[in-house]
Amino acid sequence: MKRLLLTFFLFFAGMFIFAQTADMSYWESQITRLDATFVERLTVLEIVRDQGHTGIGGFYHTALQALLTRLPEVTTNAERFAAQAAVRIAIQGIGSEQYSAAAPDLWAAVLAFDVASPQNDGLIMQDALTALGQVGGSQFTTHVVHRLNSFNVQNLVDTEVRLRVQRAVVGAINALESFGDPAGFPPVFFASIGSYELAIRNMASTALTNIVEDPGFIIAEIIRDPSNPPSVKYQAWQELLRSNAGDESKAHAAAVALDVGWTFGTNIPVQQRDLRSMRVSAMDTIRVLGAADDSVYVNLERSFRNNFVSPAPDYEEIRRTIVSLSSIGSERSVDLLTGFLSELHNRRRSGPWRHKERQLFNWVIAGLGASGTQSQRALFLLSEIEHSQDYTFAEQGWARDALRALASN
């Protein structure tokens, strides 16, 4: 009854003051009163919130400061519940008002209500981090990045701990998305592929496109980082394909993905499959955008030769290697294709000449024909094959078709 009477008194007093002056000094005096209880402070904040006034970020900031200062006075569960409810209203008010001066105190609230304590359910930490982003508190980017990184590596087995942490993770993602700082991209990316609930992973995935428009060079570093397993590297590559990265950074990342796909050593089959998938997908990008650097030629040659000598060659990777070199159409790519064809030509005369050699022979000739090259070495070799009696009529025809295609360029 006592609280009900107080609520009515404050409500009508509030209506009178707002109607007269819209001055927040009275409410500030009630919030900062030394003898005010947390229940009374909560009542004041509820009344102010329900009035729906704007432009009162300073009031909410003052309220938050007062509440944080008085937190050590909490002794009962009732006081703790009232204090937490009041803090949430103050934080949400600061965020909606985008009151930038409150950023340091919002971070203080993050620390005061850290989910490391089992007394904190994560909601205030979530609100404070979200509000930090709303007020543009980018000076705390490094701190938020550190927090999210620490959450990402936790093994969240306990249900209650998992719930608390995931609430804080939502706030951290919101903050980093609002900051739009490239430093926020990696931890949000790892959140998007982590062990959180699907809704949180999807939220992180959506946030990535708002943090950095072109994450190509950031993703290249994630792929290159030797501490990241192939599954993470491949997921990072897929994120790049989904992004709005420009052609230059995509080509650069494709070169890195192809290189790491061969240089990362592992004997674990599932990891080998991830690396193979990343290589093949990177080739598709290289086919369209070209070679960003010379490592592309080295690794495309590796893709051809490693599979050629393998007892179980990956024909799809070989085919894409040849198509990529043909599409690049540079002097070096044509030299590689011509070299492959010359080796196969020697095999045709001295053996062995099996289905594998004949299939690759067909693809390499078609690749040279589509490359548009006028290399005299390539043209001479194709002509020699066309007229050689070592080949079947069909094989001679492949060389003839390639020469016709090049002649029409």
Protein backbone atom coordinates (compact mmCIF):
# COMPACT_ATOMS: atom_id res chain seq x y z
CA MET A 1 0.00 0.00 0.00
CA LYS A 2 2.81 2.38 0.88
CA ARG A 3 4.43 1.87 -2.53
CA LEU A 4 1.07 2.27 -4.28
CA LEU A 5 0.46 5.63 -2.57
CA LEU A 6 3.99 6.73 -3.43
CA THR A 7 3.45 5.73 -7.04
CA PHE A 8 0.25 7.79 -7.31
CA PHE A 9 1.91 10.77 -5.64
CA LEU A 10 4.91 10.67 -7.95
CA PHE A 11 2.74 10.08 -11.00
CA PHE A 12 0.57 13.14 -10.40
CA ALA A 13 3.54 15.21 -9.33
CA GLY A 14 5.22 14.18 -12.56
CA MET A 15 2.25 15.18 -14.67
CA PHE A 16 2.24 18.59 -13.00
CA ILE A 17 5.94 19.20 -13.45
CA PHE A 18 6.00 18.04 -17.08
CA ALA A 19 2.98 20.16 -17.86
CA GLN A 20 4.56 23.24 -16.33
CA THR A 21 8.21 23.18 -17.32
CA ALA A 22 9.27 19.77 -18.74
CA ASP A 23 12.27 20.28 -16.43
CA MET A 24 13.94 17.08 -15.24
CA SER A 25 15.57 18.64 -12.19
CA TYR A 26 12.84 17.45 -9.84
CA TRP A 27 13.15 13.85 -11.00
CA GLU A 28 16.91 14.04 -10.82
CA SER A 29 16.66 15.20 -7.23
CA GLN A 30 14.46 12.20 -6.44
CA ILE A 31 16.86 9.76 -8.11
CA THR A 32 19.94 11.21 -6.40
CA ARG A 33 18.35 11.61 -2.97
CA LEU A 34 20.63 9.87 -0.47
CA ASP A 35 17.74 8.41 1.53
CA ALA A 36 15.83 7.14 -1.51
CA THR A 37 15.34 3.39 -1.66
CA PHE A 38 15.94 1.38 -4.80
CA VAL A 39 12.21 0.75 -5.02
CA GLU A 40 11.59 4.51 -5.00
CA ARG A 41 14.25 5.09 -7.65
CA LEU A 42 12.69 2.37 -9.80
CA THR A 43 9.28 4.01 -9.42
CA VAL A 44 10.65 7.37 -10.55
CA LEU A 45 12.26 5.79 -13.61
CA GLU A 46 9.11 3.91 -14.52
CA ILE A 47 7.06 7.13 -14.36
CA VAL A 48 9.56 9.09 -16.46
CA ARG A 49 9.80 6.29 -19.01
CA ASP A 50 6.03 6.02 -19.31
CA GLN A 51 5.69 9.76 -19.92
CA GLY A 52 7.42 9.19 -23.27
CA HIS A 53 9.44 12.41 -23.28
CA THR A 54 12.50 12.73 -25.54
CA GLY A 55 15.66 14.75 -25.21
CA ILE A 56 16.20 13.56 -21.64
CA GLY A 57 19.37 11.52 -22.15
CA GLY A 58 21.06 13.58 -19.46
CA PHE A 59 18.44 12.51 -16.92
CA TYR A 60 18.91 8.82 -17.70
CA HIS A 61 22.67 9.29 -17.49
CA THR A 62 22.37 10.91 -14.06
CA ALA A 63 20.10 8.08 -12.96
CA LEU A 64 22.57 5.44 -14.11
CA GLN A 65 25.44 7.16 -12.32
CA ALA A 66 23.42 7.36 -9.11
CA LEU A 67 22.40 3.73 -9.31
CA LEU A 68 25.91 2.48 -9.98
CA THR A 69 27.22 4.53 -7.07
CA ARG A 70 24.64 3.11 -4.68
CA LEU A 71 24.93 -0.54 -5.77
CA PRO A 72 27.15 -1.46 -2.80
CA GLU A 73 24.19 -0.59 -0.56
CA VAL A 74 22.12 -3.49 -1.90
CA THR A 75 21.59 -6.02 0.87
CA THR A 76 18.36 -7.89 0.07
CA ASN A 77 16.95 -9.71 -2.94
CA ALA A 78 14.13 -7.16 -3.19
CA GLU A 79 16.67 -4.32 -3.38
CA ARG A 80 18.72 -6.20 -5.93
CA PHE A 81 15.72 -6.84 -8.17
CA ALA A 82 14.62 -3.19 -7.94
CA ALA A 83 18.16 -1.94 -8.58
CA GLN A 84 18.56 -4.16 -11.65
CA ALA A 85 15.19 -3.13 -13.07
CA ALA A 86 16.04 0.54 -12.53
CA VAL A 87 19.46 0.16 -14.15
CA ARG A 88 17.89 -1.45 -17.21
CA ILE A 89 15.44 1.42 -17.65
CA ALA A 90 18.25 3.98 -17.32
CA ILE A 91 20.47 2.12 -19.80
CA GLN A 92 17.68 1.66 -22.34
CA GLY A 93 16.81 5.35 -22.02
CA ILE A 94 20.41 6.35 -22.66
CA GLY A 95 20.51 4.11 -25.71
CA SER A 96 17.26 5.37 -27.20
CA GLU A 97 18.39 8.95 -26.61
CA GLN A 98 21.82 8.18 -28.10
CA TYR A 99 23.41 10.11 -25.27
CA SER A 100 27.11 9.80 -26.10
CA ALA A 101 28.43 11.33 -22.87
CA ALA A 102 27.20 8.26 -21.01
CA ALA A 103 29.52 5.81 -22.82
CA PRO A 104 32.02 5.44 -19.92
CA ASP A 105 29.20 4.72 -17.47
CA LEU A 106 27.64 2.22 -19.85
CA TRP A 107 30.93 0.37 -19.86
CA ALA A 108 30.98 0.62 -16.08
CA ALA A 109 27.57 -1.07 -16.11
CA VAL A 110 28.98 -3.84 -18.32
CA LEU A 111 31.66 -4.47 -15.71
CA ALA A 112 29.29 -4.17 -12.76
CA PHE A 113 26.87 -6.71 -14.23
CA ASP A 114 29.37 -9.06 -15.85
CA VAL A 115 27.90 -12.50 -16.51
CA ALA A 116 30.92 -14.00 -14.79
CA SER A 117 28.87 -13.53 -11.63
CA PRO A 118 26.01 -16.04 -11.26
CA GLN A 119 23.87 -13.22 -9.78
CA ASN A 120 23.79 -11.49 -13.17
CA ASP A 121 21.44 -12.97 -15.76
CA GLY A 122 23.08 -11.23 -18.72
CA LEU A 123 20.20 -8.90 -19.56
CA ILE A 124 21.83 -5.77 -18.14
CA MET A 125 25.14 -6.62 -19.79
CA GLN A 126 23.28 -7.11 -23.07
CA ASP A 127 21.45 -3.79 -22.68
CA ALA A 128 24.61 -1.91 -21.72
CA LEU A 129 26.61 -3.24 -24.67
CA THR A 130 23.76 -2.55 -27.07
CA ALA A 131 23.38 0.98 -25.71
CA LEU A 132 27.15 1.48 -25.99
CA GLY A 133 26.77 0.91 -29.71
CA GLN A 134 23.73 3.18 -29.91
CA VAL A 135 25.60 6.10 -28.31
CA GLY A 136 28.64 5.60 -30.55
CA GLY A 137 31.01 4.53 -27.80
CA SER A 138 33.60 3.27 -30.29
CA GLN A 139 36.42 4.13 -27.86
CA PHE A 140 35.48 0.86 -26.19
CA THR A 141 35.80 -1.23 -29.37
CA THR A 142 38.93 -3.00 -28.15
CA HIS A 143 37.24 -3.90 -24.86
CA VAL A 144 34.13 -5.28 -26.57
CA VAL A 145 36.27 -7.25 -29.02
CA HIS A 146 38.15 -8.77 -26.09
CA ARG A 147 34.91 -9.73 -24.35
CA LEU A 148 33.39 -11.35 -27.42
CA ASN A 149 36.63 -13.22 -28.15
CA SER A 150 36.58 -14.63 -24.63
CA PHE A 151 32.94 -15.70 -25.00
CA ASN A 152 33.64 -17.37 -28.35
CA VAL A 153 36.21 -19.76 -26.87
CA GLN A 154 34.17 -20.78 -23.83
CA ASN A 155 32.79 -24.30 -23.63
CA LEU A 156 29.20 -23.52 -22.66
CA VAL A 157 27.93 -26.77 -21.18
CA ASP A 158 25.92 -25.53 -18.20
CA THR A 159 22.47 -24.39 -19.36
CA GLU A 160 22.26 -21.35 -17.08
CA VAL A 161 25.77 -20.16 -17.89
CA ARG A 162 25.06 -20.64 -21.59
CA LEU A 163 21.93 -18.49 -21.34
CA ARG A 164 23.74 -15.71 -19.50
CA VAL A 165 26.67 -15.67 -21.89
CA GLN A 166 24.50 -15.74 -25.00
CA ARG A 167 22.63 -12.68 -23.79
CA ALA A 168 25.92 -10.85 -23.38
CA VAL A 169 27.03 -12.08 -26.81
CA VAL A 170 23.95 -10.48 -28.38
CA GLY A 171 24.91 -7.16 -26.80
CA ALA A 172 28.51 -7.44 -27.98
CA ILE A 173 27.41 -8.18 -31.54
CA ASN A 174 25.03 -5.22 -31.46
CA ALA A 175 27.79 -2.92 -30.24
CA LEU A 176 30.38 -4.03 -32.79
CA GLU A 177 27.86 -3.80 -35.61
CA SER A 178 27.08 -0.21 -34.57
CA PHE A 179 30.76 0.73 -34.29
CA GLY A 180 31.49 -0.44 -37.85
CA ASP A 181 35.16 -0.94 -36.97
CA PRO A 182 37.07 -3.62 -38.95
CA ALA A 183 38.49 -4.87 -35.63
CA GLY A 184 35.00 -6.11 -34.79
CA PHE A 185 34.74 -8.33 -37.87
CA PRO A 186 36.79 -11.36 -36.71
CA PRO A 187 35.05 -11.92 -33.34
CA VAL A 188 31.61 -11.47 -34.90
CA PHE A 189 32.59 -13.89 -37.68
CA PHE A 190 33.65 -16.48 -35.10
CA ALA A 191 30.35 -15.91 -33.29
CA SER A 192 28.53 -16.60 -36.57
CA ILE A 193 30.15 -20.04 -36.88
CA GLY A 194 30.32 -20.82 -33.15
CA SER A 195 28.29 -23.07 -30.89
CA TYR A 196 25.64 -20.48 -30.02
CA GLU A 197 21.97 -20.92 -30.81
CA LEU A 198 21.04 -20.59 -34.47
CA ALA A 199 19.28 -17.25 -33.94
CA ILE A 200 22.46 -15.73 -32.50
CA ARG A 201 24.65 -17.17 -35.27
CA ASN A 202 22.27 -15.75 -37.87
CA MET A 203 22.30 -12.40 -36.11
CA ALA A 204 26.11 -12.35 -36.20
CA SER A 205 26.12 -13.33 -39.86
CA THR A 206 23.80 -10.44 -40.70
CA ALA A 207 25.90 -8.02 -38.64
CA LEU A 208 29.05 -8.86 -40.61
CA THR A 209 27.81 -7.10 -43.74
CA ASN A 210 27.26 -3.92 -41.71
CA ILE A 211 30.64 -3.93 -39.96
CA VAL A 212 32.80 -3.94 -43.09
CA GLU A 213 31.58 -3.67 -46.65
CA ASP A 214 34.71 -5.22 -48.12
CA PRO A 215 36.21 -7.78 -45.69
CA GLY A 216 38.46 -9.43 -48.27
CA PHE A 217 41.79 -8.68 -46.66
CA ILE A 218 40.46 -9.48 -43.15
CA ILE A 219 39.15 -12.84 -44.31
CA ALA A 220 42.43 -13.55 -46.08
CA GLU A 221 44.18 -13.22 -42.71
CA ILE A 222 41.67 -15.57 -41.07
CA ILE A 223 42.35 -18.12 -43.82
CA ARG A 224 46.11 -17.66 -43.50
CA ASP A 225 46.17 -17.93 -39.69
CA PRO A 226 47.73 -21.35 -38.93
CA SER A 227 45.81 -21.63 -35.65
CA ASN A 228 42.50 -21.84 -37.51
CA PRO A 229 41.49 -25.36 -38.62
CA PRO A 230 40.49 -26.03 -42.24
CA SER A 231 36.78 -25.96 -41.37
CA VAL A 232 37.13 -22.35 -40.16
CA LYS A 233 39.25 -21.40 -43.17
CA TYR A 234 36.64 -22.79 -45.54
CA GLN A 235 33.81 -21.05 -43.69
CA ALA A 236 35.76 -17.79 -43.85
CA TRP A 237 36.15 -18.26 -47.61
CA GLN A 238 32.41 -18.86 -47.96
CA GLU A 239 31.75 -15.68 -45.97
CA LEU A 240 33.89 -13.78 -48.46
CA LEU A 241 31.80 -15.08 -51.36
CA ARG A 242 28.68 -13.88 -49.55
CA SER A 243 30.12 -10.42 -48.90
CA ASN A 244 30.27 -7.26 -50.99
CA ALA A 245 34.04 -7.52 -51.35
CA GLY A 246 35.50 -5.87 -54.44
CA ASP A 247 37.16 -7.80 -57.23
CA GLU A 248 40.69 -6.93 -56.10
CA SER A 249 40.26 -8.15 -52.54
CA LYS A 250 38.33 -11.23 -53.71
CA ALA A 251 41.13 -12.13 -56.11
CA HIS A 252 43.67 -11.60 -53.32
CA ALA A 253 41.72 -13.82 -50.91
CA ALA A 254 41.30 -16.47 -53.63
CA ALA A 255 45.06 -16.58 -54.09
CA VAL A 256 45.49 -17.00 -50.34
CA ALA A 257 42.79 -19.69 -50.16
CA LEU A 258 44.37 -21.66 -52.98
CA ASP A 259 47.82 -21.38 -51.40
CA VAL A 260 46.66 -22.38 -47.90
CA GLY A 261 44.64 -25.18 -49.47
CA TRP A 262 47.93 -26.77 -50.47
CA THR A 263 50.37 -25.60 -47.79
CA PHE A 264 48.30 -26.45 -44.69
CA GLY A 265 49.45 -29.93 -43.76
CA THR A 266 47.00 -32.45 -42.33
CA ASN A 267 46.35 -36.17 -42.53
CA ILE A 268 42.81 -35.90 -41.20
CA PRO A 269 40.38 -36.81 -44.03
CA VAL A 270 37.67 -34.33 -43.07
CA GLN A 271 40.20 -31.52 -42.98
CA GLN A 272 41.63 -32.59 -46.32
CA ARG A 273 38.12 -32.43 -47.78
CA ASP A 274 37.63 -28.89 -46.45
CA LEU A 275 40.93 -27.77 -47.95
CA ARG A 276 40.04 -29.37 -51.28
CA SER A 277 36.63 -27.68 -51.30
CA MET A 278 38.26 -24.33 -50.57
CA ARG A 279 40.82 -24.80 -53.35
CA VAL A 280 38.24 -25.73 -55.94
CA SER A 281 35.97 -22.84 -54.97
CA ALA A 282 38.91 -20.43 -55.05
CA MET A 283 39.68 -21.60 -58.59
CA ASP A 284 36.21 -20.53 -59.67
CA THR A 285 36.96 -17.01 -58.43
CA ILE A 286 40.39 -17.01 -60.07
CA ARG A 287 38.78 -18.13 -63.32
CA VAL A 288 36.63 -14.99 -63.29
CA LEU A 289 38.96 -12.44 -61.68
CA GLY A 290 42.39 -13.65 -62.73
CA ALA A 291 45.64 -14.19 -60.85
CA ALA A 292 46.23 -11.71 -58.03
CA ASP A 293 49.88 -12.76 -57.73
CA ASP A 294 52.34 -15.39 -58.94
CA SER A 295 51.40 -17.83 -56.17
CA VAL A 296 48.27 -18.59 -58.20
CA TYR A 297 50.35 -20.13 -61.01
CA VAL A 298 52.48 -22.11 -58.58
CA ASN A 299 49.46 -23.60 -56.87
CA LEU A 300 47.45 -24.25 -60.02
CA GLU A 301 50.41 -26.20 -61.34
CA ARG A 302 50.51 -28.03 -58.01
CA SER A 303 46.82 -28.88 -58.35
CA PHE A 304 47.46 -30.43 -61.75
CA ARG A 305 50.64 -32.33 -60.91
CA ASN A 306 49.66 -33.58 -57.45
CA ASN A 307 46.46 -35.04 -58.84
CA PHE A 308 48.19 -36.38 -61.96
CA VAL A 309 50.54 -38.55 -59.91
CA SER A 310 47.89 -39.53 -57.39
CA PRO A 311 46.59 -43.14 -57.52
CA ALA A 312 43.12 -41.63 -57.02
CA PRO A 313 43.19 -38.34 -58.94
CA ASP A 314 40.53 -35.73 -58.34
CA TYR A 315 39.40 -35.18 -61.91
CA GLU A 316 37.13 -32.30 -60.97
CA GLU A 317 40.01 -30.37 -59.45
CA ILE A 318 42.16 -31.09 -62.50
CA ARG A 319 39.42 -29.89 -64.83
CA ARG A 320 38.92 -26.67 -62.88
CA THR A 321 42.66 -26.10 -62.82
CA ILE A 322 42.81 -26.27 -66.58
CA VAL A 323 39.74 -24.07 -67.02
CA SER A 324 41.21 -21.48 -64.63
CA LEU A 325 44.52 -21.34 -66.50
CA SER A 326 42.70 -21.11 -69.81
CA SER A 327 40.46 -18.29 -68.57
CA ILE A 328 43.39 -16.29 -67.19
CA GLY A 329 44.94 -16.47 -70.66
CA SER A 330 48.22 -14.88 -69.62
CA GLU A 331 51.58 -15.82 -71.06
CA ARG A 332 52.45 -17.76 -67.92
CA SER A 333 49.16 -19.65 -67.80
CA VAL A 334 49.50 -20.61 -71.47
CA ASP A 335 53.08 -21.75 -70.84
CA LEU A 336 51.81 -24.03 -68.08
CA LEU A 337 49.09 -25.51 -70.30
CA THR A 338 51.58 -26.00 -73.13
CA GLY A 339 53.96 -27.70 -70.71
CA PHE A 340 51.21 -30.06 -69.55
CA LEU A 341 50.37 -30.89 -73.16
CA SER A 342 54.03 -31.46 -74.06
CA GLU A 343 54.38 -33.97 -71.21
CA LEU A 344 51.22 -35.77 -72.29
CA HIS A 345 52.48 -35.76 -75.90
CA ASN A 346 55.64 -37.52 -74.78
CA ARG A 347 53.60 -40.04 -72.82
CA ARG A 348 51.51 -40.80 -75.91
CA ARG A 349 54.62 -41.90 -77.71
CA SER A 350 56.33 -43.74 -74.87
CA GLY A 351 53.47 -44.65 -72.52
CA PRO A 352 51.64 -45.23 -70.40
CA TRP A 353 48.53 -43.99 -72.17
CA ARG A 354 45.47 -44.83 -70.13
CA HIS A 355 42.05 -43.32 -69.60
CA LYS A 356 43.53 -40.75 -67.19
CA GLU A 357 46.13 -39.48 -69.68
CA ARG A 358 43.64 -39.39 -72.53
CA GLN A 359 41.08 -37.46 -70.45
CA LEU A 360 43.63 -34.86 -69.37
CA PHE A 361 44.94 -34.66 -72.94
CA ASN A 362 41.42 -33.75 -74.11
CA TRP A 363 40.93 -31.10 -71.42
CA VAL A 364 44.34 -29.45 -71.87
CA ILE A 365 43.88 -29.17 -75.63
CA ALA A 366 40.41 -27.67 -75.13
CA GLY A 367 41.88 -25.26 -72.58
CA LEU A 368 44.52 -24.06 -75.01
CA GLY A 369 41.90 -23.67 -77.70
CA ALA A 370 39.77 -21.50 -75.42
CA SER A 371 42.69 -19.42 -74.14
CA GLY A 372 42.96 -17.29 -77.26
CA THR A 373 46.74 -17.69 -77.28
CA GLN A 374 48.93 -17.02 -80.27
CA SER A 375 51.95 -18.64 -78.64
CA GLN A 376 54.08 -20.17 -81.37
CA ARG A 377 55.12 -22.99 -79.06
CA ALA A 378 51.50 -23.89 -78.36
CA LEU A 379 50.46 -23.61 -82.01
CA PHE A 380 53.37 -25.75 -83.19
CA LEU A 381 52.62 -28.45 -80.61
CA LEU A 382 48.94 -28.57 -81.53
CA SER A 383 49.83 -28.80 -85.21
CA GLU A 384 52.28 -31.63 -84.54
CA ILE A 385 49.59 -33.54 -82.64
CA GLU A 386 47.06 -32.97 -85.42
CA HIS A 387 49.34 -34.67 -87.97
CA SER A 388 50.95 -37.32 -85.76
CA GLN A 389 50.14 -40.93 -86.52
CA ASP A 390 50.59 -41.73 -82.82
CA TYR A 391 47.08 -40.45 -82.18
CA THR A 392 43.63 -41.69 -83.06
CA PHE A 393 41.48 -39.79 -85.50
CA ALA A 394 39.42 -38.42 -82.57
CA GLU A 395 42.54 -37.25 -80.73
CA GLN A 396 43.84 -35.56 -83.87
CA GLY A 397 40.44 -33.89 -84.19
CA TRP A 398 40.74 -32.33 -80.74
CA ALA A 399 43.96 -30.61 -81.78
CA ARG A 400 42.39 -29.54 -85.09
CA ASP A 401 39.40 -28.00 -83.29
CA ALA A 402 41.70 -26.08 -80.94
CA LEU A 403 43.72 -24.70 -83.85
CA ARG A 404 40.54 -23.55 -85.61
CA ALA A 405 39.36 -21.83 -82.44
CA LEU A 406 42.67 -20.00 -82.07
CA ALA A 407 42.75 -19.05 -85.71
CA SER A 408 39.37 -17.37 -85.41
CA ASN A 409 40.60 -15.03 -82.63
